[in-house]
Amino acid sequence: MSSMKDLNYISRRTLLRSAAFALTVTPLAVFLDANTALAADGPLVNPNDAAAKAVHYVEDANRAKGAGAGSKCANCALYIGSASSTQGPCQIFPGKQVKAAGWCSSWAPQM
């Protein structure tokens, strides 16, 4: 039969493992949150940048070759901005924003 003392016991190994996990994950969470916040105020992606050209980014999905009907940055899974904004951050271009009406070949439907 276990006593109340046994139920409240945490081994030193469990405590150290939990502390190590918390120390590892906390800075990562802070970094990711800061990255998103910085991207929200970042400059617009220039369609002539090498990274933009690599994914065929255009600021108007209606002029994109290969864009499916209705596909645009605002309804892409990689778009971090709000659906009602005219521009917002994108995971493809860290620290920069894309036009909500834009499109690139990395477009993926939101789930």
PDB file of N, CA and C in Angstrom:
ATOM      1  N   MET A   1       0.818  -1.169   0.000  1.00  0.00           N
ATOM      2  CA  MET A   1       0.000   0.000   0.000  1.00  0.00           C
ATOM      3  C   MET A   1       0.882   1.260   0.000  1.00  0.00           C
ATOM      4  N   SER A   2       0.576   2.248  -0.868  1.00  0.00           N
ATOM      5  CA  SER A   2       1.407   3.437  -0.887  1.00  0.00           C
ATOM      6  C   SER A   2       0.911   4.454   0.125  1.00  0.00           C
ATOM      7  N   SER A   3       1.865   5.118   0.666  1.00  0.00           N
ATOM      8  CA  SER A   3       1.527   6.171   1.618  1.00  0.00           C
ATOM      9  C   SER A   3       1.447   7.498   0.870  1.00  0.00           C
ATOM     10  N   MET A   4       0.930   8.514   1.549  1.00  0.00           N
ATOM     11  CA  MET A   4       0.809   9.844   0.952  1.00  0.00           C
ATOM     12  C   MET A   4       2.179  10.399   0.577  1.00  0.00           C
ATOM     13  N   LYS A   5       3.193  10.059   1.346  1.00  0.00           N
ATOM     14  CA  LYS A   5       4.552  10.524   1.075  1.00  0.00           C
ATOM     15  C   LYS A   5       5.045   9.994  -0.273  1.00  0.00           C
ATOM     16  N   ASP A   6       4.718   8.758  -0.620  1.00  0.00           N
ATOM     17  CA  ASP A   6       5.140   8.173  -1.885  1.00  0.00           C
ATOM     18  C   ASP A   6       4.469   8.845  -3.079  1.00  0.00           C
ATOM     19  N   LEU A   7       3.222   9.281  -2.923  1.00  0.00           N
ATOM     20  CA  LEU A   7       2.486   9.898  -4.034  1.00  0.00           C
ATOM     21  C   LEU A   7       3.024  11.284  -4.384  1.00  0.00           C
ATOM     22  N   ASN A   8       3.590  11.984  -3.440  1.00  0.00           N
ATOM     23  CA  ASN A   8       4.108  13.324  -3.676  1.00  0.00           C
ATOM     24  C   ASN A   8       5.591  13.338  -4.028  1.00  0.00           C
ATOM     25  N   TYR A   9       6.197  12.211  -4.124  1.00  0.00           N
ATOM     26  CA  TYR A   9       7.630  12.097  -4.353  1.00  0.00           C
ATOM     27  C   TYR A   9       7.943  12.267  -5.837  1.00  0.00           C
ATOM     28  N   ILE A  10       8.894  13.138  -6.152  1.00  0.00           N
ATOM     29  CA  ILE A  10       9.390  13.314  -7.517  1.00  0.00           C
ATOM     30  C   ILE A  10      10.875  12.997  -7.473  1.00  0.00           C
ATOM     31  N   SER A  11      11.286  12.101  -8.335  1.00  0.00           N
ATOM     32  CA  SER A  11      12.702  11.743  -8.323  1.00  0.00           C
ATOM     33  C   SER A  11      13.544  12.905  -8.842  1.00  0.00           C
ATOM     34  N   ARG A  12      14.770  12.939  -8.405  1.00  0.00           N
ATOM     35  CA  ARG A  12      15.691  13.979  -8.847  1.00  0.00           C
ATOM     36  C   ARG A  12      15.890  13.896 -10.354  1.00  0.00           C
ATOM     37  N   ARG A  13      15.928  12.697 -10.903  1.00  0.00           N
ATOM     38  CA  ARG A  13      16.106  12.522 -12.344  1.00  0.00           C
ATOM     39  C   ARG A  13      14.928  13.125 -13.115  1.00  0.00           C
ATOM     40  N   THR A  14      13.703  12.895 -12.636  1.00  0.00           N
ATOM     41  CA  THR A  14      12.522  13.457 -13.292  1.00  0.00           C
ATOM     42  C   THR A  14      12.534  14.973 -13.214  1.00  0.00           C
ATOM     43  N   LEU A  15      12.882  15.509 -12.073  1.00  0.00           N
ATOM     44  CA  LEU A  15      12.944  16.950 -11.897  1.00  0.00           C
ATOM     45  C   LEU A  15      13.992  17.575 -12.821  1.00  0.00           C
ATOM     46  N   LEU A  16      15.171  16.981 -12.890  1.00  0.00           N
ATOM     47  CA  LEU A  16      16.229  17.509 -13.760  1.00  0.00           C
ATOM     48  C   LEU A  16      15.852  17.400 -15.237  1.00  0.00           C
ATOM     49  N   ARG A  17      15.218  16.307 -15.610  1.00  0.00           N
ATOM     50  CA  ARG A  17      14.787  16.126 -16.998  1.00  0.00           C
ATOM     51  C   ARG A  17      13.754  17.191 -17.380  1.00  0.00           C
ATOM     52  N   SER A  18      12.799  17.447 -16.484  1.00  0.00           N
ATOM     53  CA  SER A  18      11.774  18.458 -16.743  1.00  0.00           C
ATOM     54  C   SER A  18      12.390  19.851 -16.829  1.00  0.00           C
ATOM     55  N   ALA A  19      13.331  20.144 -15.941  1.00  0.00           N
ATOM     56  CA  ALA A  19      13.989  21.449 -15.950  1.00  0.00           C
ATOM     57  C   ALA A  19      14.802  21.633 -17.233  1.00  0.00           C
ATOM     58  N   ALA A  20      15.496  20.601 -17.671  1.00  0.00           N
ATOM     59  CA  ALA A  20      16.288  20.686 -18.898  1.00  0.00           C
ATOM     60  C   ALA A  20      15.380  20.927 -20.108  1.00  0.00           C
ATOM     61  N   PHE A  21      14.254  20.249 -20.140  1.00  0.00           N
ATOM     62  CA  PHE A  21      13.307  20.430 -21.238  1.00  0.00           C
ATOM     63  C   PHE A  21      12.789  21.877 -21.255  1.00  0.00           C
ATOM     64  N   ALA A  22      12.408  22.393 -20.085  1.00  0.00           N
ATOM     65  CA  ALA A  22      11.885  23.754 -20.001  1.00  0.00           C
ATOM     66  C   ALA A  22      12.942  24.782 -20.421  1.00  0.00           C
ATOM     67  N   LEU A  23      14.183  24.566 -20.009  1.00  0.00           N
ATOM     68  CA  LEU A  23      15.255  25.489 -20.379  1.00  0.00           C
ATOM     69  C   LEU A  23      15.556  25.449 -21.875  1.00  0.00           C
ATOM     70  N   THR A  24      15.314  24.315 -22.501  1.00  0.00           N
ATOM     71  CA  THR A  24      15.548  24.182 -23.937  1.00  0.00           C
ATOM     72  C   THR A  24      14.425  24.792 -24.749  1.00  0.00           C
ATOM     73  N   VAL A  25      13.185  24.572 -24.346  1.00  0.00           N
ATOM     74  CA  VAL A  25      12.022  24.990 -25.126  1.00  0.00           C
ATOM     75  C   VAL A  25      11.701  26.472 -24.957  1.00  0.00           C
ATOM     76  N   THR A  26      11.895  27.029 -23.797  1.00  0.00           N
ATOM     77  CA  THR A  26      11.527  28.425 -23.542  1.00  0.00           C
ATOM     78  C   THR A  26      12.229  29.409 -24.486  1.00  0.00           C
ATOM     79  N   PRO A  27      13.550  29.349 -24.653  1.00  0.00           N
ATOM     80  CA  PRO A  27      14.186  30.293 -25.594  1.00  0.00           C
ATOM     81  C   PRO A  27      13.701  30.097 -27.028  1.00  0.00           C
ATOM     82  N   LEU A  28      13.413  28.871 -27.411  1.00  0.00           N
ATOM     83  CA  LEU A  28      12.912  28.607 -28.759  1.00  0.00           C
ATOM     84  C   LEU A  28      11.562  29.270 -28.962  1.00  0.00           C
ATOM     85  N   ALA A  29      10.681  29.140 -27.991  1.00  0.00           N
ATOM     86  CA  ALA A  29       9.356  29.753 -28.087  1.00  0.00           C
ATOM     87  C   ALA A  29       9.469  31.274 -28.156  1.00  0.00           C
ATOM     88  N   VAL A  30      10.345  31.846 -27.351  1.00  0.00           N
ATOM     89  CA  VAL A  30      10.545  33.296 -27.359  1.00  0.00           C
ATOM     90  C   VAL A  30      11.107  33.737 -28.707  1.00  0.00           C
ATOM     91  N   PHE A  31      12.058  32.991 -29.257  1.00  0.00           N
ATOM     92  CA  PHE A  31      12.652  33.319 -30.553  1.00  0.00           C
ATOM     93  C   PHE A  31      11.605  33.281 -31.660  1.00  0.00           C
ATOM     94  N   LEU A  32      10.780  32.247 -31.691  1.00  0.00           N
ATOM     95  CA  LEU A  32       9.762  32.132 -32.732  1.00  0.00           C
ATOM     96  C   LEU A  32       8.742  33.249 -32.627  1.00  0.00           C
ATOM     97  N   ASP A  33       8.344  33.596 -31.410  1.00  0.00           N
ATOM     98  CA  ASP A  33       7.389  34.674 -31.220  1.00  0.00           C
ATOM     99  C   ASP A  33       8.002  36.007 -31.648  1.00  0.00           C
ATOM    100  N   ALA A  34       9.259  36.244 -31.324  1.00  0.00           N
ATOM    101  CA  ALA A  34       9.938  37.478 -31.714  1.00  0.00           C
ATOM    102  C   ALA A  34      10.097  37.554 -33.222  1.00  0.00           C
ATOM    103  N   ASN A  35      10.381  36.428 -33.861  1.00  0.00           N
ATOM    104  CA  ASN A  35      10.521  36.393 -35.311  1.00  0.00           C
ATOM    105  C   ASN A  35       9.221  36.800 -35.991  1.00  0.00           C
ATOM    106  N   THR A  36       8.094  36.299 -35.495  1.00  0.00           N
ATOM    107  CA  THR A  36       6.798  36.636 -36.060  1.00  0.00           C
ATOM    108  C   THR A  36       6.510  38.114 -35.861  1.00  0.00           C
ATOM    109  N   ALA A  37       6.818  38.634 -34.676  1.00  0.00           N
ATOM    110  CA  ALA A  37       6.574  40.043 -34.396  1.00  0.00           C
ATOM    111  C   ALA A  37       7.433  40.935 -35.290  1.00  0.00           C
ATOM    112  N   LEU A  38       8.685  40.574 -35.490  1.00  0.00           N
ATOM    113  CA  LEU A  38       9.563  41.364 -36.354  1.00  0.00           C
ATOM    114  C   LEU A  38       9.097  41.328 -37.804  1.00  0.00           C
ATOM    115  N   ALA A  39       8.625  40.195 -38.262  1.00  0.00           N
ATOM    116  CA  ALA A  39       8.165  40.063 -39.638  1.00  0.00           C
ATOM    117  C   ALA A  39       6.925  40.902 -39.888  1.00  0.00           C
ATOM    118  N   ALA A  40       6.116  41.125 -38.859  1.00  0.00           N
ATOM    119  CA  ALA A  40       4.899  41.897 -39.023  1.00  0.00           C
ATOM    120  C   ALA A  40       5.186  43.336 -39.436  1.00  0.00           C
ATOM    121  N   ASP A  41       6.356  43.846 -39.104  1.00  0.00           N
ATOM    122  CA  ASP A  41       6.723  45.211 -39.461  1.00  0.00           C
ATOM    123  C   ASP A  41       7.788  45.257 -40.541  1.00  0.00           C
ATOM    124  N   GLY A  42       8.125  44.137 -41.120  1.00  0.00           N
ATOM    125  CA  GLY A  42       9.191  44.069 -42.107  1.00  0.00           C
ATOM    126  C   GLY A  42       8.803  44.690 -43.441  1.00  0.00           C
ATOM    127  N   PRO A  43       9.793  44.906 -44.284  1.00  0.00           N
ATOM    128  CA  PRO A  43       9.539  45.479 -45.609  1.00  0.00           C
ATOM    129  C   PRO A  43       8.867  44.458 -46.531  1.00  0.00           C
ATOM    130  N   LEU A  44       8.274  44.962 -47.577  1.00  0.00           N
ATOM    131  CA  LEU A  44       7.677  44.079 -48.582  1.00  0.00           C
ATOM    132  C   LEU A  44       8.760  43.361 -49.372  1.00  0.00           C
ATOM    133  N   VAL A  45       8.471  42.153 -49.760  1.00  0.00           N
ATOM    134  CA  VAL A  45       9.383  41.394 -50.614  1.00  0.00           C
ATOM    135  C   VAL A  45       9.405  42.046 -51.987  1.00  0.00           C
ATOM    136  N   ASN A  46      10.580  42.220 -52.520  1.00  0.00           N
ATOM    137  CA  ASN A  46      10.734  42.744 -53.870  1.00  0.00           C
ATOM    138  C   ASN A  46      10.629  41.552 -54.826  1.00  0.00           C
ATOM    139  N   PRO A  47       9.690  41.575 -55.764  1.00  0.00           N
ATOM    140  CA  PRO A  47       9.551  40.466 -56.700  1.00  0.00           C
ATOM    141  C   PRO A  47      10.817  40.182 -57.507  1.00  0.00           C
ATOM    142  N   ASN A  48      11.742  41.133 -57.549  1.00  0.00           N
ATOM    143  CA  ASN A  48      12.990  40.944 -58.281  1.00  0.00           C
ATOM    144  C   ASN A  48      14.105  40.344 -57.425  1.00  0.00           C
ATOM    145  N   ASP A  49      13.867  40.165 -56.109  1.00  0.00           N
ATOM    146  CA  ASP A  49      14.861  39.507 -55.246  1.00  0.00           C
ATOM    147  C   ASP A  49      15.076  38.075 -55.731  1.00  0.00           C
ATOM    148  N   ALA A  50      16.264  37.557 -55.512  1.00  0.00           N
ATOM    149  CA  ALA A  50      16.584  36.192 -55.939  1.00  0.00           C
ATOM    150  C   ALA A  50      15.659  35.166 -55.291  1.00  0.00           C
ATOM    151  N   ALA A  51      15.374  35.340 -53.995  1.00  0.00           N
ATOM    152  CA  ALA A  51      14.497  34.386 -53.298  1.00  0.00           C
ATOM    153  C   ALA A  51      13.085  34.438 -53.861  1.00  0.00           C
ATOM    154  N   ALA A  52      12.612  35.633 -54.197  1.00  0.00           N
ATOM    155  CA  ALA A  52      11.274  35.787 -54.766  1.00  0.00           C
ATOM    156  C   ALA A  52      11.206  35.173 -56.165  1.00  0.00           C
ATOM    157  N   LYS A  53      12.248  35.388 -56.941  1.00  0.00           N
ATOM    158  CA  LYS A  53      12.280  34.806 -58.289  1.00  0.00           C
ATOM    159  C   LYS A  53      12.342  33.283 -58.241  1.00  0.00           C
ATOM    160  N   ALA A  54      13.029  32.745 -57.236  1.00  0.00           N
ATOM    161  CA  ALA A  54      13.169  31.294 -57.126  1.00  0.00           C
ATOM    162  C   ALA A  54      11.817  30.598 -56.942  1.00  0.00           C
ATOM    163  N   VAL A  55      10.869  31.293 -56.305  1.00  0.00           N
ATOM    164  CA  VAL A  55       9.542  30.694 -56.093  1.00  0.00           C
ATOM    165  C   VAL A  55       8.480  31.370 -56.965  1.00  0.00           C
ATOM    166  N   HIS A  56       8.922  32.155 -57.943  1.00  0.00           N
ATOM    167  CA  HIS A  56       8.039  32.818 -58.914  1.00  0.00           C
ATOM    168  C   HIS A  56       7.010  33.717 -58.232  1.00  0.00           C
ATOM    169  N   TYR A  57       7.441  34.452 -57.185  1.00  0.00           N
ATOM    170  CA  TYR A  57       6.538  35.337 -56.445  1.00  0.00           C
ATOM    171  C   TYR A  57       6.094  36.508 -57.309  1.00  0.00           C
ATOM    172  N   VAL A  58       4.808  36.779 -57.297  1.00  0.00           N
ATOM    173  CA  VAL A  58       4.230  37.958 -57.944  1.00  0.00           C
ATOM    174  C   VAL A  58       3.297  38.627 -56.943  1.00  0.00           C
ATOM    175  N   GLU A  59       3.146  39.933 -57.059  1.00  0.00           N
ATOM    176  CA  GLU A  59       2.302  40.669 -56.126  1.00  0.00           C
ATOM    177  C   GLU A  59       0.817  40.571 -56.448  1.00  0.00           C
ATOM    178  N   ASP A  60       0.480  40.081 -57.627  1.00  0.00           N
ATOM    179  CA  ASP A  60      -0.922  39.927 -58.032  1.00  0.00           C
ATOM    180  C   ASP A  60      -1.118  38.515 -58.576  1.00  0.00           C
ATOM    181  N   ALA A  61      -1.857  37.694 -57.854  1.00  0.00           N
ATOM    182  CA  ALA A  61      -2.068  36.295 -58.235  1.00  0.00           C
ATOM    183  C   ALA A  61      -2.745  36.165 -59.597  1.00  0.00           C
ATOM    184  N   ASN A  62      -3.501  37.180 -60.001  1.00  0.00           N
ATOM    185  CA  ASN A  62      -4.177  37.132 -61.305  1.00  0.00           C
ATOM    186  C   ASN A  62      -3.186  37.139 -62.464  1.00  0.00           C
ATOM    187  N   ARG A  63      -1.964  37.630 -62.212  1.00  0.00           N
ATOM    188  CA  ARG A  63      -0.944  37.668 -63.259  1.00  0.00           C
ATOM    189  C   ARG A  63       0.059  36.519 -63.142  1.00  0.00           C
ATOM    190  N   ALA A  64      -0.189  35.595 -62.233  1.00  0.00           N
ATOM    191  CA  ALA A  64       0.756  34.494 -62.003  1.00  0.00           C
ATOM    192  C   ALA A  64       0.474  33.335 -62.948  1.00  0.00           C
ATOM    193  N   LYS A  65       1.531  32.853 -63.589  1.00  0.00           N
ATOM    194  CA  LYS A  65       1.404  31.659 -64.425  1.00  0.00           C
ATOM    195  C   LYS A  65       1.476  30.459 -63.499  1.00  0.00           C
ATOM    196  N   GLY A  66       0.497  29.595 -63.547  1.00  0.00           N
ATOM    197  CA  GLY A  66       0.485  28.405 -62.714  1.00  0.00           C
ATOM    198  C   GLY A  66      -0.335  28.530 -61.448  1.00  0.00           C
ATOM    199  N   ALA A  67      -0.864  29.714 -61.153  1.00  0.00           N
ATOM    200  CA  ALA A  67      -1.684  29.885 -59.953  1.00  0.00           C
ATOM    201  C   ALA A  67      -3.063  29.287 -60.196  1.00  0.00           C
ATOM    202  N   GLY A  68      -3.519  28.501 -59.258  1.00  0.00           N
ATOM    203  CA  GLY A  68      -4.860  27.938 -59.358  1.00  0.00           C
ATOM    204  C   GLY A  68      -5.910  29.002 -59.106  1.00  0.00           C
ATOM    205  N   ALA A  69      -7.114  28.748 -59.546  1.00  0.00           N
ATOM    206  CA  ALA A  69      -8.200  29.705 -59.355  1.00  0.00           C
ATOM    207  C   ALA A  69      -8.405  29.977 -57.866  1.00  0.00           C
ATOM    208  N   GLY A  70      -8.341  31.244 -57.491  1.00  0.00           N
ATOM    209  CA  GLY A  70      -8.574  31.634 -56.101  1.00  0.00           C
ATOM    210  C   GLY A  70      -7.381  31.493 -55.180  1.00  0.00           C
ATOM    211  N   SER A  71      -6.281  30.904 -55.660  1.00  0.00           N
ATOM    212  CA  SER A  71      -5.116  30.765 -54.784  1.00  0.00           C
ATOM    213  C   SER A  71      -4.346  32.074 -54.747  1.00  0.00           C
ATOM    214  N   LYS A  72      -4.067  32.534 -53.531  1.00  0.00           N
ATOM    215  CA  LYS A  72      -3.297  33.759 -53.312  1.00  0.00           C
ATOM    216  C   LYS A  72      -2.675  33.673 -51.931  1.00  0.00           C
ATOM    217  N   CYS A  73      -1.747  34.560 -51.645  1.00  0.00           N
ATOM    218  CA  CYS A  73      -1.022  34.521 -50.372  1.00  0.00           C
ATOM    219  C   CYS A  73      -1.971  34.524 -49.171  1.00  0.00           C
ATOM    220  N   ALA A  74      -3.037  35.314 -49.226  1.00  0.00           N
ATOM    221  CA  ALA A  74      -3.947  35.438 -48.086  1.00  0.00           C
ATOM    222  C   ALA A  74      -4.586  34.107 -47.688  1.00  0.00           C
ATOM    223  N   ASN A  75      -4.720  33.158 -48.615  1.00  0.00           N
ATOM    224  CA  ASN A  75      -5.321  31.871 -48.251  1.00  0.00           C
ATOM    225  C   ASN A  75      -4.314  30.717 -48.336  1.00  0.00           C
ATOM    226  N   CYS A  76      -3.036  31.066 -48.197  1.00  0.00           N
ATOM    227  CA  CYS A  76      -1.959  30.072 -48.205  1.00  0.00           C
ATOM    228  C   CYS A  76      -1.631  29.656 -46.770  1.00  0.00           C
ATOM    229  N   ALA A  77      -1.264  28.415 -46.588  1.00  0.00           N
ATOM    230  CA  ALA A  77      -0.898  27.901 -45.268  1.00  0.00           C
ATOM    231  C   ALA A  77       0.377  28.549 -44.736  1.00  0.00           C
ATOM    232  N   LEU A  78       1.215  29.100 -45.593  1.00  0.00           N
ATOM    233  CA  LEU A  78       2.479  29.703 -45.176  1.00  0.00           C
ATOM    234  C   LEU A  78       2.345  31.186 -44.811  1.00  0.00           C
ATOM    235  N   TYR A  79       1.205  31.765 -45.099  1.00  0.00           N
ATOM    236  CA  TYR A  79       0.940  33.178 -44.828  1.00  0.00           C
ATOM    237  C   TYR A  79       0.599  33.347 -43.354  1.00  0.00           C
ATOM    238  N   ILE A  80       1.287  34.254 -42.671  1.00  0.00           N
ATOM    239  CA  ILE A  80       1.087  34.447 -41.238  1.00  0.00           C
ATOM    240  C   ILE A  80       0.202  35.658 -40.950  1.00  0.00           C
ATOM    241  N   GLY A  81       0.014  36.515 -41.918  1.00  0.00           N
ATOM    242  CA  GLY A  81      -0.778  37.733 -41.712  1.00  0.00           C
ATOM    243  C   GLY A  81      -2.246  37.426 -41.517  1.00  0.00           C
ATOM    244  N   SER A  82      -2.995  38.432 -41.081  1.00  0.00           N
ATOM    245  CA  SER A  82      -4.431  38.233 -40.893  1.00  0.00           C
ATOM    246  C   SER A  82      -5.114  38.216 -42.253  1.00  0.00           C
ATOM    247  N   ALA A  83      -6.220  37.506 -42.314  1.00  0.00           N
ATOM    248  CA  ALA A  83      -6.934  37.337 -43.587  1.00  0.00           C
ATOM    249  C   ALA A  83      -7.467  38.660 -44.128  1.00  0.00           C
ATOM    250  N   SER A  84      -7.718  39.626 -43.256  1.00  0.00           N
ATOM    251  CA  SER A  84      -8.297  40.898 -43.698  1.00  0.00           C
ATOM    252  C   SER A  84      -7.251  41.951 -44.071  1.00  0.00           C
ATOM    253  N   SER A  85      -5.958  41.650 -43.891  1.00  0.00           N
ATOM    254  CA  SER A  85      -4.912  42.636 -44.193  1.00  0.00           C
ATOM    255  C   SER A  85      -4.551  42.628 -45.674  1.00  0.00           C
ATOM    256  N   THR A  86      -3.933  43.712 -46.114  1.00  0.00           N
ATOM    257  CA  THR A  86      -3.507  43.802 -47.515  1.00  0.00           C
ATOM    258  C   THR A  86      -2.118  43.212 -47.713  1.00  0.00           C
ATOM    259  N   GLN A  87      -1.381  43.031 -46.604  1.00  0.00           N
ATOM    260  CA  GLN A  87      -0.057  42.416 -46.655  1.00  0.00           C
ATOM    261  C   GLN A  87       0.249  41.817 -45.291  1.00  0.00           C
ATOM    262  N   GLY A  88       1.204  40.889 -45.281  1.00  0.00           N
ATOM    263  CA  GLY A  88       1.570  40.266 -44.019  1.00  0.00           C
ATOM    264  C   GLY A  88       2.789  39.388 -44.171  1.00  0.00           C
ATOM    265  N   PRO A  89       3.309  38.861 -43.058  1.00  0.00           N
ATOM    266  CA  PRO A  89       4.493  38.012 -43.079  1.00  0.00           C
ATOM    267  C   PRO A  89       4.213  36.653 -43.716  1.00  0.00           C
ATOM    268  N   CYS A  90       5.253  36.063 -44.259  1.00  0.00           N
ATOM    269  CA  CYS A  90       5.178  34.748 -44.886  1.00  0.00           C
ATOM    270  C   CYS A  90       6.368  33.923 -44.405  1.00  0.00           C
ATOM    271  N   GLN A  91       6.140  32.659 -44.176  1.00  0.00           N
ATOM    272  CA  GLN A  91       7.204  31.780 -43.702  1.00  0.00           C
ATOM    273  C   GLN A  91       8.309  31.592 -44.739  1.00  0.00           C
ATOM    274  N   ILE A  92       8.021  31.792 -45.996  1.00  0.00           N
ATOM    275  CA  ILE A  92       9.014  31.645 -47.066  1.00  0.00           C
ATOM    276  C   ILE A  92      10.042  32.774 -47.025  1.00  0.00           C
ATOM    277  N   PHE A  93       9.605  33.965 -46.611  1.00  0.00           N
ATOM    278  CA  PHE A  93      10.460  35.152 -46.606  1.00  0.00           C
ATOM    279  C   PHE A  93      10.574  35.704 -45.183  1.00  0.00           C
ATOM    280  N   PRO A  94      11.414  35.121 -44.335  1.00  0.00           N
ATOM    281  CA  PRO A  94      11.534  35.577 -42.948  1.00  0.00           C
ATOM    282  C   PRO A  94      11.927  37.049 -42.855  1.00  0.00           C
ATOM    283  N   GLY A  95      11.230  37.781 -41.990  1.00  0.00           N
ATOM    284  CA  GLY A  95      11.531  39.194 -41.781  1.00  0.00           C
ATOM    285  C   GLY A  95      10.944  40.120 -42.820  1.00  0.00           C
ATOM    286  N   LYS A  96      10.220  39.580 -43.782  1.00  0.00           N
ATOM    287  CA  LYS A  96       9.618  40.403 -44.837  1.00  0.00           C
ATOM    288  C   LYS A  96       8.132  40.090 -44.947  1.00  0.00           C
ATOM    289  N   GLN A  97       7.435  40.953 -45.663  1.00  0.00           N
ATOM    290  CA  GLN A  97       6.007  40.769 -45.879  1.00  0.00           C
ATOM    291  C   GLN A  97       5.724  40.548 -47.359  1.00  0.00           C
ATOM    292  N   VAL A  98       4.586  39.935 -47.612  1.00  0.00           N
ATOM    293  CA  VAL A  98       4.124  39.728 -48.984  1.00  0.00           C
ATOM    294  C   VAL A  98       2.743  40.362 -49.125  1.00  0.00           C
ATOM    295  N   LYS A  99       2.378  40.660 -50.333  1.00  0.00           N
ATOM    296  CA  LYS A  99       1.038  41.168 -50.607  1.00  0.00           C
ATOM    297  C   LYS A  99       0.034  40.031 -50.414  1.00  0.00           C
ATOM    298  N   ALA A 100      -1.085  40.313 -49.766  1.00  0.00           N
ATOM    299  CA  ALA A 100      -2.119  39.299 -49.550  1.00  0.00           C
ATOM    300  C   ALA A 100      -2.673  38.802 -50.882  1.00  0.00           C
ATOM    301  N   ALA A 101      -2.660  39.663 -51.887  1.00  0.00           N
ATOM    302  CA  ALA A 101      -3.160  39.301 -53.207  1.00  0.00           C
ATOM    303  C   ALA A 101      -2.103  38.613 -54.056  1.00  0.00           C
ATOM    304  N   GLY A 102      -0.890  38.448 -53.517  1.00  0.00           N
ATOM    305  CA  GLY A 102       0.209  37.834 -54.260  1.00  0.00           C
ATOM    306  C   GLY A 102       0.099  36.320 -54.346  1.00  0.00           C
ATOM    307  N   TRP A 103       1.116  35.711 -54.964  1.00  0.00           N
ATOM    308  CA  TRP A 103       1.158  34.259 -55.130  1.00  0.00           C
ATOM    309  C   TRP A 103       2.584  33.830 -55.415  1.00  0.00           C
ATOM    310  N   CYS A 104       2.945  32.609 -55.008  1.00  0.00           N
ATOM    311  CA  CYS A 104       4.220  32.013 -55.394  1.00  0.00           C
ATOM    312  C   CYS A 104       4.032  30.510 -55.579  1.00  0.00           C
ATOM    313  N   SER A 105       5.015  29.875 -56.136  1.00  0.00           N
ATOM    314  CA  SER A 105       4.909  28.434 -56.437  1.00  0.00           C
ATOM    315  C   SER A 105       4.917  27.568 -55.189  1.00  0.00           C
ATOM    316  N   SER A 106       5.184  28.151 -54.018  1.00  0.00           N
ATOM    317  CA  SER A 106       5.149  27.387 -52.773  1.00  0.00           C
ATOM    318  C   SER A 106       3.770  27.421 -52.130  1.00  0.00           C
ATOM    319  N   TRP A 107       2.801  28.013 -52.805  1.00  0.00           N
ATOM    320  CA  TRP A 107       1.445  28.131 -52.254  1.00  0.00           C
ATOM    321  C   TRP A 107       0.921  26.754 -51.852  1.00  0.00           C
ATOM    322  N   ALA A 108       0.320  26.705 -50.671  1.00  0.00           N
ATOM    323  CA  ALA A 108      -0.274  25.469 -50.154  1.00  0.00           C
ATOM    324  C   ALA A 108      -1.614  25.816 -49.502  1.00  0.00           C
ATOM    325  N   PRO A 109      -2.631  24.997 -49.691  1.00  0.00           N
ATOM    326  CA  PRO A 109      -3.936  25.327 -49.104  1.00  0.00           C
ATOM    327  C   PRO A 109      -3.916  25.300 -47.579  1.00  0.00           C
ATOM    328  N   GLN A 110      -4.680  26.189 -46.980  1.00  0.00           N
ATOM    329  CA  GLN A 110      -4.805  26.179 -45.515  1.00  0.00           C
ATOM    330  C   GLN A 110      -5.643  24.986 -45.097  1.00  0.00           C
ATOM    331  N   MET A 111      -5.284  24.424 -43.977  1.00  0.00           N
ATOM    332  CA  MET A 111      -6.036  23.267 -43.463  1.00  0.00           C
ATOM    333  C   MET A 111      -7.055  23.705 -42.469  1.00  0.00           C
TER     334      MET A 111
END
